[in-house]
Protein backbone atom coordinates (compact mmCIF):
# COMPACT_ATOMS: atom_id res chain seq x y z
CA MET A 1 -17.86 6.44 35.10
CA GLU A 2 -18.70 8.60 32.12
CA ASP A 3 -18.21 7.07 28.65
CA LYS A 4 -15.68 9.25 26.82
CA ARG A 5 -15.29 7.07 23.75
CA LEU A 6 -14.20 9.01 20.68
CA PHE A 7 -13.79 6.21 18.16
CA LYS A 8 -14.27 2.48 17.74
CA ILE A 9 -12.20 0.41 15.31
CA ARG A 10 -13.54 -2.79 13.76
CA ASN A 11 -11.93 -5.17 11.29
CA LYS A 12 -13.59 -6.67 8.30
CA TRP A 13 -14.06 -10.29 9.36
CA PHE A 14 -12.97 -12.04 6.17
CA ASN A 15 -10.05 -10.55 4.20
CA PHE A 16 -7.77 -12.24 1.74
CA PHE A 17 -6.48 -9.76 -0.80
CA VAL A 18 -7.52 -6.28 0.35
CA HIS A 19 -7.49 -5.79 4.10
CA LYS A 20 -9.86 -3.30 5.71
CA ALA A 21 -10.70 -1.79 9.05
CA TYR A 22 -13.53 0.59 9.87
CA ILE A 23 -13.49 3.63 12.15
CA TYR A 24 -16.74 4.58 13.89
CA ASP A 25 -17.41 7.76 15.85
CA ALA A 26 -18.86 7.94 19.38
CA ASN A 27 -22.40 7.71 17.91
CA LYS A 28 -21.52 4.38 16.23
CA LYS A 29 -21.58 5.97 12.76
CA LYS A 30 -18.95 4.69 10.33
CA ILE A 31 -16.79 7.68 9.43
CA ALA A 32 -13.90 6.02 7.57
CA THR A 33 -12.71 2.83 5.93
CA VAL A 34 -8.99 2.09 6.09
CA LYS A 35 -7.58 -0.29 3.49
CA ASP A 36 -4.34 -1.43 1.98
CA LYS A 37 -3.64 -2.51 -1.56
CA TRP A 38 -3.71 -6.11 -2.74
CA PHE A 39 0.07 -6.28 -3.11
CA ASN A 40 1.25 -3.70 -0.60
CA THR A 41 5.05 -3.51 -0.75
CA LYS A 42 5.26 0.23 -0.02
CA GLY A 43 3.32 0.27 3.24
CA GLU A 44 0.55 2.38 1.73
CA TYR A 45 -2.86 2.68 3.32
CA PHE A 46 -5.87 4.64 2.14
CA VAL A 47 -8.65 6.23 4.15
CA LEU A 48 -11.99 6.31 2.36
CA GLY A 49 -15.17 8.12 3.35
CA TYR A 50 -13.53 10.58 5.75
CA LYS A 51 -14.10 14.34 5.43
CA ASP A 52 -10.46 14.82 4.34
CA GLU A 53 -8.39 12.83 1.87
CA ILE A 54 -5.90 10.85 3.96
CA LYS A 55 -3.18 8.55 2.71
CA ILE A 56 -0.36 6.78 4.53
CA GLN A 57 2.89 6.41 2.58
CA GLY A 58 5.59 4.21 4.00
CA ASN A 59 8.85 2.56 3.12
CA PHE A 60 9.33 -1.07 2.11
CA LEU A 61 9.42 -2.38 5.68
CA GLY A 62 6.72 0.03 6.84
CA LEU A 63 8.72 1.17 9.87
CA THR A 64 8.38 4.87 9.07
CA SER A 65 5.35 6.32 7.30
CA GLN A 66 4.16 9.79 6.37
CA ILE A 67 0.54 10.81 6.90
CA LEU A 68 -0.81 12.97 4.10
CA LYS A 69 -3.98 14.97 4.60
CA ASN A 70 -5.32 16.58 1.43
CA GLY A 71 -1.90 16.04 -0.16
CA GLU A 72 0.16 17.68 2.61
CA VAL A 73 2.30 15.87 5.19
CA VAL A 74 0.64 16.29 8.60
CA GLY A 75 2.40 13.62 10.58
CA THR A 76 4.79 10.71 10.90
CA ILE A 77 4.27 7.19 12.23
CA ARG A 78 7.28 5.24 13.45
CA ARG A 79 6.81 1.58 14.18
CA GLN A 80 9.16 -0.41 16.37
CA VAL A 81 8.77 -4.14 15.91
CA ALA A 82 9.48 -6.37 18.90
CA ILE A 83 9.10 -10.10 19.47
CA ILE A 84 6.22 -9.73 21.91
CA ALA A 85 4.51 -6.51 20.80
CA ASP A 86 4.93 -3.62 18.41
CA SER A 87 5.04 -0.02 19.56
CA PHE A 88 4.26 3.15 17.67
CA GLU A 89 5.37 6.75 17.84
CA LEU A 90 3.02 9.30 16.29
CA GLU A 91 4.03 12.89 15.51
CA VAL A 92 1.00 15.03 14.62
CA SER A 93 -0.70 18.25 15.63
CA GLU A 94 -3.05 18.30 18.63
CA GLU A 95 -5.95 19.03 16.28
CA ASP A 96 -5.47 15.83 14.26
CA MET A 97 -4.34 13.61 17.15
CA PRO A 98 -7.58 11.79 18.14
CA PHE A 99 -8.50 10.60 14.65
CA LEU A 100 -4.92 9.74 13.70
CA VAL A 101 -4.45 7.65 16.86
CA ALA A 102 -7.55 5.70 15.80
CA LEU A 103 -6.03 5.42 12.31
CA VAL A 104 -2.78 3.95 13.68
CA ILE A 105 -4.79 1.38 15.66
CA ALA A 106 -6.74 0.48 12.50
CA ILE A 107 -3.51 0.04 10.52
CA ASP A 108 -2.05 -2.14 13.26
CA ASN A 109 -5.23 -4.26 13.20
CA ILE A 110 -4.96 -4.64 9.43
CA THR A 111 -1.30 -5.65 9.67
CA ASP A 112 -1.97 -8.17 12.45
CA LYS A 113 -4.93 -9.67 10.56
CA LYS A 114 -2.88 -9.93 7.35
CA TYR A 115 -0.10 -11.88 9.06
CA LYS A 116 -2.58 -14.13 10.88
CA ASN A 117 -4.04 -15.05 7.48
CA ILE A 118 -0.53 -15.88 6.20
CA GLU A 119 0.19 -17.99 9.29
CA TYR A 120 -3.14 -19.80 8.89
CA PHE A 121 -2.35 -20.79 5.32
CA ASN A 122 1.19 -21.84 6.21
CA ILE A 123 -0.17 -24.09 8.98
CA LYS A 124 -2.72 -25.63 6.57
CA GLU A 125 0.02 -26.30 4.00
CA TYR A 126 2.23 -27.82 6.69
CA GLN A 127 -0.59 -30.10 7.86
CA LYS A 128 -1.20 -31.33 4.28
CA GLY A 129 2.49 -32.07 3.65
């Protein structure tokens, strides 16, 4: 079977205040860093180091977000939260699709990691009390 990998997404191992994920190309070269803000109430994410300026702007709950590329809206992410698993709907052009799918996976990884950190601290507090 031929390896047709386009991107690989990795999380930063230890995050407390600013959460990050990294996107690597098929040659294992880091092409972008995805991060949120320390106090992220708007569902904003920033992509650093990529050839284009990309920013994700969302609403308070982060269920619908706009993808801006060089200041122009190029797509929409809709997140549907379920008890077992989240699902995503991505509306973008064919040209931008591969990278933006990787971006959605990176954002989901950041969100999951952030809530695992919160759960970890809540468990520690519970065990102390």
